[in-house]
């Protein structure tokens, strides 16, 4: 299923992604540090959502309480809560 998430407190403004059979696909960040976020997107492609959460949840960006990878985890959690 396809999801869109509006980020908060990060340079990126939106994350689009698909979850198919518990795995993450087609992650796209809009805004933010393009090279870094393209790298994150490629690294998580096809990964189990539980592994993404384990590895990326809680990462901070500087003084902020969140980061773009953490926002991806929040987006995943939101999809899990609405199911």
PDB file of N, CA and C in Angstrom:
ATOM      1  N   UNK A   1       0.830  -1.166   0.000  1.00  0.00           N
ATOM      2  CA  UNK A   1       0.000   0.000   0.000  1.00  0.00           C
ATOM      3  C   UNK A   1       0.886   1.245   0.000  1.00  0.00           C
ATOM      4  N   UNK A   2       0.446   2.292  -0.669  1.00  0.00           N
ATOM      5  CA  UNK A   2       1.211   3.538  -0.790  1.00  0.00           C
ATOM      6  C   UNK A   2       0.816   4.508   0.323  1.00  0.00           C
ATOM      7  N   UNK A   3       1.822   5.189   0.872  1.00  0.00           N
ATOM      8  CA  UNK A   3       1.599   6.146   1.952  1.00  0.00           C
ATOM      9  C   UNK A   3       2.341   7.447   1.669  1.00  0.00           C
ATOM     10  N   UNK A   4       1.781   8.543   2.164  1.00  0.00           N
ATOM     11  CA  UNK A   4       2.421   9.851   2.126  1.00  0.00           C
ATOM     12  C   UNK A   4       2.381  10.416   3.534  1.00  0.00           C
ATOM     13  N   UNK A   5       3.516  10.946   3.976  1.00  0.00           N
ATOM     14  CA  UNK A   5       3.629  11.474   5.338  1.00  0.00           C
ATOM     15  C   UNK A   5       4.225  12.874   5.282  1.00  0.00           C
ATOM     16  N   UNK A   6       3.567  13.818   5.949  1.00  0.00           N
ATOM     17  CA  UNK A   6       4.066  15.187   6.051  1.00  0.00           C
ATOM     18  C   UNK A   6       4.988  15.264   7.267  1.00  0.00           C
ATOM     19  N   UNK A   7       6.253  15.550   7.033  1.00  0.00           N
ATOM     20  CA  UNK A   7       7.234  15.559   8.115  1.00  0.00           C
ATOM     21  C   UNK A   7       7.102  16.811   8.981  1.00  0.00           C
ATOM     22  N   UNK A   8       7.711  16.739  10.167  1.00  0.00           N
ATOM     23  CA  UNK A   8       7.733  17.859  11.100  1.00  0.00           C
ATOM     24  C   UNK A   8       9.150  18.043  11.626  1.00  0.00           C
ATOM     25  N   UNK A   9       9.575  19.279  11.755  1.00  0.00           N
ATOM     26  CA  UNK A   9      10.847  19.648  12.361  1.00  0.00           C
ATOM     27  C   UNK A   9      12.076  19.163  11.588  1.00  0.00           C
ATOM     28  N   UNK A  10      11.934  18.909  10.286  1.00  0.00           N
ATOM     29  CA  UNK A  10      13.080  18.503   9.474  1.00  0.00           C
ATOM     30  C   UNK A  10      13.125  19.330   8.189  1.00  0.00           C
ATOM     31  N   UNK A  11      14.240  19.254   7.504  1.00  0.00           N
ATOM     32  CA  UNK A  11      14.391  19.970   6.240  1.00  0.00           C
ATOM     33  C   UNK A  11      13.509  19.365   5.146  1.00  0.00           C
ATOM     34  N   UNK A  12      13.317  18.058   5.188  1.00  0.00           N
ATOM     35  CA  UNK A  12      12.410  17.446   4.220  1.00  0.00           C
ATOM     36  C   UNK A  12      10.974  17.767   4.641  1.00  0.00           C
ATOM     37  N   UNK A  13      10.089  17.868   3.658  1.00  0.00           N
ATOM     38  CA  UNK A  13       8.709  18.216   3.954  1.00  0.00           C
ATOM     39  C   UNK A  13       7.752  17.030   3.853  1.00  0.00           C
ATOM     40  N   UNK A  14       8.149  16.008   3.097  1.00  0.00           N
ATOM     41  CA  UNK A  14       7.240  14.898   2.843  1.00  0.00           C
ATOM     42  C   UNK A  14       8.018  13.630   2.546  1.00  0.00           C
ATOM     43  N   UNK A  15       7.430  12.492   2.916  1.00  0.00           N
ATOM     44  CA  UNK A  15       7.994  11.187   2.581  1.00  0.00           C
ATOM     45  C   UNK A  15       6.895  10.352   1.943  1.00  0.00           C
ATOM     46  N   UNK A  16       7.184   9.788   0.786  1.00  0.00           N
ATOM     47  CA  UNK A  16       6.293   8.833   0.129  1.00  0.00           C
ATOM     48  C   UNK A  16       6.954   7.467   0.199  1.00  0.00           C
ATOM     49  N   UNK A  17       6.150   6.429   0.415  1.00  0.00           N
ATOM     50  CA  UNK A  17       6.700   5.083   0.480  1.00  0.00           C
ATOM     51  C   UNK A  17       5.589   4.059   0.326  1.00  0.00           C
ATOM     52  N   UNK A  18       5.999   2.834   0.039  1.00  0.00           N
ATOM     53  CA  UNK A  18       5.080   1.708  -0.056  1.00  0.00           C
ATOM     54  C   UNK A  18       5.492   0.661   0.966  1.00  0.00           C
ATOM     55  N   UNK A  19       4.499  -0.010   1.532  1.00  0.00           N
ATOM     56  CA  UNK A  19       4.747  -1.176   2.370  1.00  0.00           C
ATOM     57  C   UNK A  19       4.009  -2.342   1.720  1.00  0.00           C
ATOM     58  N   UNK A  20       4.782  -3.358   1.359  1.00  0.00           N
ATOM     59  CA  UNK A  20       4.231  -4.551   0.719  1.00  0.00           C
ATOM     60  C   UNK A  20       4.747  -5.766   1.486  1.00  0.00           C
ATOM     61  N   UNK A  21       3.829  -6.540   2.019  1.00  0.00           N
ATOM     62  CA  UNK A  21       4.184  -7.746   2.781  1.00  0.00           C
ATOM     63  C   UNK A  21       5.201  -7.458   3.887  1.00  0.00           C
ATOM     64  N   UNK A  22       5.013  -6.334   4.571  1.00  0.00           N
ATOM     65  CA  UNK A  22       5.875  -5.995   5.702  1.00  0.00           C
ATOM     66  C   UNK A  22       7.236  -5.448   5.333  1.00  0.00           C
ATOM     67  N   UNK A  23       7.424  -5.133   4.037  1.00  0.00           N
ATOM     68  CA  UNK A  23       8.707  -4.582   3.583  1.00  0.00           C
ATOM     69  C   UNK A  23       8.508  -3.205   2.971  1.00  0.00           C
ATOM     70  N   UNK A  24       9.550  -2.390   3.076  1.00  0.00           N
ATOM     71  CA  UNK A  24       9.510  -1.002   2.627  1.00  0.00           C
ATOM     72  C   UNK A  24      10.058  -0.874   1.205  1.00  0.00           C
ATOM     73  N   UNK A  25       9.325  -0.137   0.367  1.00  0.00           N
ATOM     74  CA  UNK A  25       9.724   0.069  -1.033  1.00  0.00           C
ATOM     75  C   UNK A  25       9.442   1.506  -1.455  1.00  0.00           C
ATOM     76  N   UNK A  26      10.156   1.944  -2.487  1.00  0.00           N
ATOM     77  CA  UNK A  26       9.892   3.224  -3.162  1.00  0.00           C
ATOM     78  C   UNK A  26       9.880   4.415  -2.210  1.00  0.00           C
ATOM     79  N   UNK A  27      10.841   4.476  -1.303  1.00  0.00           N
ATOM     80  CA  UNK A  27      10.916   5.593  -0.357  1.00  0.00           C
ATOM     81  C   UNK A  27      11.456   6.821  -1.083  1.00  0.00           C
ATOM     82  N   UNK A  28      10.714   7.929  -0.984  1.00  0.00           N
ATOM     83  CA  UNK A  28      11.135   9.192  -1.590  1.00  0.00           C
ATOM     84  C   UNK A  28      10.932  10.315  -0.588  1.00  0.00           C
ATOM     85  N   UNK A  29      11.995  11.049  -0.323  1.00  0.00           N
ATOM     86  CA  UNK A  29      11.923  12.234   0.524  1.00  0.00           C
ATOM     87  C   UNK A  29      11.840  13.452  -0.378  1.00  0.00           C
ATOM     88  N   UNK A  30      11.058  14.443   0.012  1.00  0.00           N
ATOM     89  CA  UNK A  30      10.943  15.687  -0.743  1.00  0.00           C
ATOM     90  C   UNK A  30      11.499  16.803   0.113  1.00  0.00           C
ATOM     91  N   UNK A  31      12.512  17.478  -0.415  1.00  0.00           N
ATOM     92  CA  UNK A  31      13.229  18.486   0.349  1.00  0.00           C
ATOM     93  C   UNK A  31      14.344  17.822   1.133  1.00  0.00           C
ATOM     94  N   UNK A  32      15.057  18.601   1.891  1.00  0.00           N
ATOM     95  CA  UNK A  32      16.124  18.055   2.716  1.00  0.00           C
ATOM     96  C   UNK A  32      17.418  17.857   1.950  1.00  0.00           C
ATOM     97  N   UNK A  33      18.329  17.113   2.528  1.00  0.00           N
ATOM     98  CA  UNK A  33      19.658  16.857   1.957  1.00  0.00           C
ATOM     99  C   UNK A  33      19.545  15.722   0.934  1.00  0.00           C
ATOM    100  N   UNK A  34      19.459  16.083  -0.299  1.00  0.00           N
ATOM    101  CA  UNK A  34      19.132  15.127  -1.360  1.00  0.00           C
ATOM    102  C   UNK A  34      20.051  13.907  -1.376  1.00  0.00           C
ATOM    103  N   UNK A  35      21.337  14.108  -1.307  1.00  0.00           N
ATOM    104  CA  UNK A  35      22.271  12.980  -1.374  1.00  0.00           C
ATOM    105  C   UNK A  35      22.102  12.027  -0.200  1.00  0.00           C
ATOM    106  N   UNK A  36      22.032  12.586   0.999  1.00  0.00           N
ATOM    107  CA  UNK A  36      21.869  11.743   2.192  1.00  0.00           C
ATOM    108  C   UNK A  36      20.540  10.994   2.166  1.00  0.00           C
ATOM    109  N   UNK A  37      19.480  11.673   1.782  1.00  0.00           N
ATOM    110  CA  UNK A  37      18.163  11.042   1.796  1.00  0.00           C
ATOM    111  C   UNK A  37      18.001  10.036   0.667  1.00  0.00           C
ATOM    112  N   UNK A  38      18.674  10.266  -0.435  1.00  0.00           N
ATOM    113  CA  UNK A  38      18.687   9.273  -1.509  1.00  0.00           C
ATOM    114  C   UNK A  38      19.406   8.017  -1.007  1.00  0.00           C
ATOM    115  N   UNK A  39      20.469   8.206  -0.243  1.00  0.00           N
ATOM    116  CA  UNK A  39      21.195   7.080   0.338  1.00  0.00           C
ATOM    117  C   UNK A  39      20.341   6.304   1.318  1.00  0.00           C
ATOM    118  N   UNK A  40      19.625   7.009   2.205  1.00  0.00           N
ATOM    119  CA  UNK A  40      18.730   6.343   3.154  1.00  0.00           C
ATOM    120  C   UNK A  40      17.681   5.547   2.386  1.00  0.00           C
ATOM    121  N   UNK A  41      17.099   6.165   1.377  1.00  0.00           N
ATOM    122  CA  UNK A  41      16.059   5.497   0.582  1.00  0.00           C
ATOM    123  C   UNK A  41      16.561   4.206  -0.042  1.00  0.00           C
ATOM    124  N   UNK A  42      17.753   4.236  -0.589  1.00  0.00           N
ATOM    125  CA  UNK A  42      18.310   3.034  -1.216  1.00  0.00           C
ATOM    126  C   UNK A  42      18.668   1.964  -0.183  1.00  0.00           C
ATOM    127  N   UNK A  43      19.151   2.388   0.967  1.00  0.00           N
ATOM    128  CA  UNK A  43      19.540   1.421   1.997  1.00  0.00           C
ATOM    129  C   UNK A  43      18.346   0.674   2.588  1.00  0.00           C
ATOM    130  N   UNK A  44      17.206   1.333   2.686  1.00  0.00           N
ATOM    131  CA  UNK A  44      16.039   0.683   3.292  1.00  0.00           C
ATOM    132  C   UNK A  44      15.167  -0.049   2.272  1.00  0.00           C
ATOM    133  N   UNK A  45      15.465   0.083   0.994  1.00  0.00           N
ATOM    134  CA  UNK A  45      14.666  -0.564  -0.060  1.00  0.00           C
ATOM    135  C   UNK A  45      14.600  -2.073   0.158  1.00  0.00           C
ATOM    136  N   UNK A  46      13.380  -2.597   0.296  1.00  0.00           N
ATOM    137  CA  UNK A  46      13.171  -4.025   0.473  1.00  0.00           C
ATOM    138  C   UNK A  46      13.399  -4.528   1.892  1.00  0.00           C
ATOM    139  N   UNK A  47      13.713  -3.630   2.806  1.00  0.00           N
ATOM    140  CA  UNK A  47      13.994  -4.022   4.197  1.00  0.00           C
ATOM    141  C   UNK A  47      12.683  -4.213   4.958  1.00  0.00           C
ATOM    142  N   UNK A  48      12.685  -5.172   5.871  1.00  0.00           N
ATOM    143  CA  UNK A  48      11.542  -5.373   6.764  1.00  0.00           C
ATOM    144  C   UNK A  48      11.331  -4.094   7.575  1.00  0.00           C
ATOM    145  N   UNK A  49      10.069  -3.673   7.719  1.00  0.00           N
ATOM    146  CA  UNK A  49       9.812  -2.441   8.460  1.00  0.00           C
ATOM    147  C   UNK A  49      10.313  -2.533   9.900  1.00  0.00           C
ATOM    148  N   UNK A  50      10.282  -3.719  10.496  1.00  0.00           N
ATOM    149  CA  UNK A  50      10.781  -3.872  11.866  1.00  0.00           C
ATOM    150  C   UNK A  50      12.271  -3.556  11.941  1.00  0.00           C
ATOM    151  N   UNK A  51      13.030  -3.932  10.914  1.00  0.00           N
ATOM    152  CA  UNK A  51      14.465  -3.629  10.891  1.00  0.00           C
ATOM    153  C   UNK A  51      14.708  -2.142  10.701  1.00  0.00           C
ATOM    154  N   UNK A  52      13.898  -1.500   9.853  1.00  0.00           N
ATOM    155  CA  UNK A  52      14.031  -0.055   9.644  1.00  0.00           C
ATOM    156  C   UNK A  52      13.796   0.662  10.970  1.00  0.00           C
ATOM    157  N   UNK A  53      12.747   0.274  11.672  1.00  0.00           N
ATOM    158  CA  UNK A  53      12.444   0.890  12.967  1.00  0.00           C
ATOM    159  C   UNK A  53      13.577   0.673  13.960  1.00  0.00           C
ATOM    160  N   UNK A  54      14.096  -0.524  13.998  1.00  0.00           N
ATOM    161  CA  UNK A  54      15.179  -0.856  14.927  1.00  0.00           C
ATOM    162  C   UNK A  54      16.428  -0.026  14.658  1.00  0.00           C
ATOM    163  N   UNK A  55      16.735   0.192  13.398  1.00  0.00           N
ATOM    164  CA  UNK A  55      17.986   0.874  13.035  1.00  0.00           C
ATOM    165  C   UNK A  55      17.886   2.393  13.023  1.00  0.00           C
ATOM    166  N   UNK A  56      16.720   2.944  12.666  1.00  0.00           N
ATOM    167  CA  UNK A  56      16.636   4.382  12.413  1.00  0.00           C
ATOM    168  C   UNK A  56      15.826   5.184  13.431  1.00  0.00           C
ATOM    169  N   UNK A  57      14.981   4.514  14.196  1.00  0.00           N
ATOM    170  CA  UNK A  57      14.119   5.238  15.123  1.00  0.00           C
ATOM    171  C   UNK A  57      14.946   5.923  16.207  1.00  0.00           C
ATOM    172  N   UNK A  58      14.614   7.182  16.460  1.00  0.00           N
ATOM    173  CA  UNK A  58      15.267   7.935  17.525  1.00  0.00           C
ATOM    174  C   UNK A  58      16.519   8.695  17.101  1.00  0.00           C
ATOM    175  N   UNK A  59      16.938   8.567  15.848  1.00  0.00           N
ATOM    176  CA  UNK A  59      18.093   9.337  15.374  1.00  0.00           C
ATOM    177  C   UNK A  59      17.736  10.817  15.412  1.00  0.00           C
ATOM    178  N   UNK A  60      18.656  11.612  15.918  1.00  0.00           N
ATOM    179  CA  UNK A  60      18.439  13.054  16.020  1.00  0.00           C
ATOM    180  C   UNK A  60      19.303  13.790  15.004  1.00  0.00           C
ATOM    181  N   UNK A  61      18.866  14.976  14.633  1.00  0.00           N
ATOM    182  CA  UNK A  61      19.616  15.837  13.724  1.00  0.00           C
ATOM    183  C   UNK A  61      19.981  17.104  14.496  1.00  0.00           C
ATOM    184  N   UNK A  62      21.243  17.193  14.872  1.00  0.00           N
ATOM    185  CA  UNK A  62      21.693  18.361  15.631  1.00  0.00           C
ATOM    186  C   UNK A  62      20.918  18.505  16.919  1.00  0.00           C
ATOM    187  N   UNK A  63      20.353  19.673  17.128  1.00  0.00           N
ATOM    188  CA  UNK A  63      19.624  19.977  18.358  1.00  0.00           C
ATOM    189  C   UNK A  63      18.173  19.510  18.319  1.00  0.00           C
ATOM    190  N   UNK A  64      17.726  19.047  17.163  1.00  0.00           N
ATOM    191  CA  UNK A  64      16.323  18.638  17.000  1.00  0.00           C
ATOM    192  C   UNK A  64      16.070  17.286  17.670  1.00  0.00           C
ATOM    193  N   UNK A  65      14.834  17.063  18.074  1.00  0.00           N
ATOM    194  CA  UNK A  65      14.450  15.794  18.691  1.00  0.00           C
ATOM    195  C   UNK A  65      14.178  14.705  17.656  1.00  0.00           C
ATOM    196  N   UNK A  66      14.354  15.019  16.398  1.00  0.00           N
ATOM    197  CA  UNK A  66      14.048  14.078  15.325  1.00  0.00           C
ATOM    198  C   UNK A  66      15.019  14.301  14.170  1.00  0.00           C
ATOM    199  N   UNK A  67      14.862  13.522  13.129  1.00  0.00           N
ATOM    200  CA  UNK A  67      15.681  13.633  11.918  1.00  0.00           C
ATOM    201  C   UNK A  67      14.844  13.067  10.774  1.00  0.00           C
ATOM    202  N   UNK A  68      15.347  13.162   9.567  1.00  0.00           N
ATOM    203  CA  UNK A  68      14.619  12.585   8.435  1.00  0.00           C
ATOM    204  C   UNK A  68      14.472  11.062   8.577  1.00  0.00           C
ATOM    205  N   UNK A  69      15.528  10.318   8.967  1.00  0.00           N
ATOM    206  CA  UNK A  69      15.335   8.881   9.179  1.00  0.00           C
ATOM    207  C   UNK A  69      14.325   8.591  10.295  1.00  0.00           C
ATOM    208  N   UNK A  70      14.348   9.374  11.361  1.00  0.00           N
ATOM    209  CA  UNK A  70      13.385   9.199  12.445  1.00  0.00           C
ATOM    210  C   UNK A  70      11.972   9.517  11.960  1.00  0.00           C
ATOM    211  N   UNK A  71      11.830  10.519  11.107  1.00  0.00           N
ATOM    212  CA  UNK A  71      10.518  10.839  10.553  1.00  0.00           C
ATOM    213  C   UNK A  71       9.979   9.686   9.710  1.00  0.00           C
ATOM    214  N   UNK A  72      10.858   8.993   8.999  1.00  0.00           N
ATOM    215  CA  UNK A  72      10.429   7.804   8.259  1.00  0.00           C
ATOM    216  C   UNK A  72       9.861   6.775   9.231  1.00  0.00           C
ATOM    217  N   UNK A  73      10.509   6.597  10.356  1.00  0.00           N
ATOM    218  CA  UNK A  73      10.013   5.651  11.369  1.00  0.00           C
ATOM    219  C   UNK A  73       8.674   6.096  11.937  1.00  0.00           C
ATOM    220  N   UNK A  74       8.535   7.383  12.166  1.00  0.00           N
ATOM    221  CA  UNK A  74       7.253   7.893  12.657  1.00  0.00           C
ATOM    222  C   UNK A  74       6.158   7.658  11.628  1.00  0.00           C
ATOM    223  N   UNK A  75       6.499   7.817  10.360  1.00  0.00           N
ATOM    224  CA  UNK A  75       5.535   7.555   9.289  1.00  0.00           C
ATOM    225  C   UNK A  75       5.128   6.085   9.281  1.00  0.00           C
ATOM    226  N   UNK A  76       6.095   5.206   9.426  1.00  0.00           N
ATOM    227  CA  UNK A  76       5.808   3.768   9.461  1.00  0.00           C
ATOM    228  C   UNK A  76       4.917   3.451  10.657  1.00  0.00           C
ATOM    229  N   UNK A  77       5.250   3.988  11.811  1.00  0.00           N
ATOM    230  CA  UNK A  77       4.448   3.746  13.012  1.00  0.00           C
ATOM    231  C   UNK A  77       3.011   4.241  12.815  1.00  0.00           C
ATOM    232  N   UNK A  78       2.866   5.390  12.173  1.00  0.00           N
ATOM    233  CA  UNK A  78       1.533   5.929  11.921  1.00  0.00           C
ATOM    234  C   UNK A  78       0.717   4.980  11.037  1.00  0.00           C
ATOM    235  N   UNK A  79       1.358   4.396  10.044  1.00  0.00           N
ATOM    236  CA  UNK A  79       0.643   3.445   9.182  1.00  0.00           C
ATOM    237  C   UNK A  79       0.255   2.205   9.974  1.00  0.00           C
ATOM    238  N   UNK A  80       1.102   1.791  10.898  1.00  0.00           N
ATOM    239  CA  UNK A  80       0.812   0.616  11.718  1.00  0.00           C
ATOM    240  C   UNK A  80      -0.348   0.891  12.677  1.00  0.00           C
ATOM    241  N   UNK A  81      -0.427   2.126  13.175  1.00  0.00           N
ATOM    242  CA  UNK A  81      -1.485   2.498  14.110  1.00  0.00           C
ATOM    243  C   UNK A  81      -2.849   2.613  13.433  1.00  0.00           C
ATOM    244  N   UNK A  82      -2.855   2.926  12.134  1.00  0.00           N
ATOM    245  CA  UNK A  82      -4.118   3.110  11.422  1.00  0.00           C
ATOM    246  C   UNK A  82      -4.650   1.812  10.827  1.00  0.00           C
ATOM    247  N   UNK A  83      -3.868   0.738  10.891  1.00  0.00           N
ATOM    248  CA  UNK A  83      -4.319  -0.531  10.331  1.00  0.00           C
ATOM    249  C   UNK A  83      -5.278  -1.220  11.262  1.00  0.00           C
TER     250      UNK A  83
END
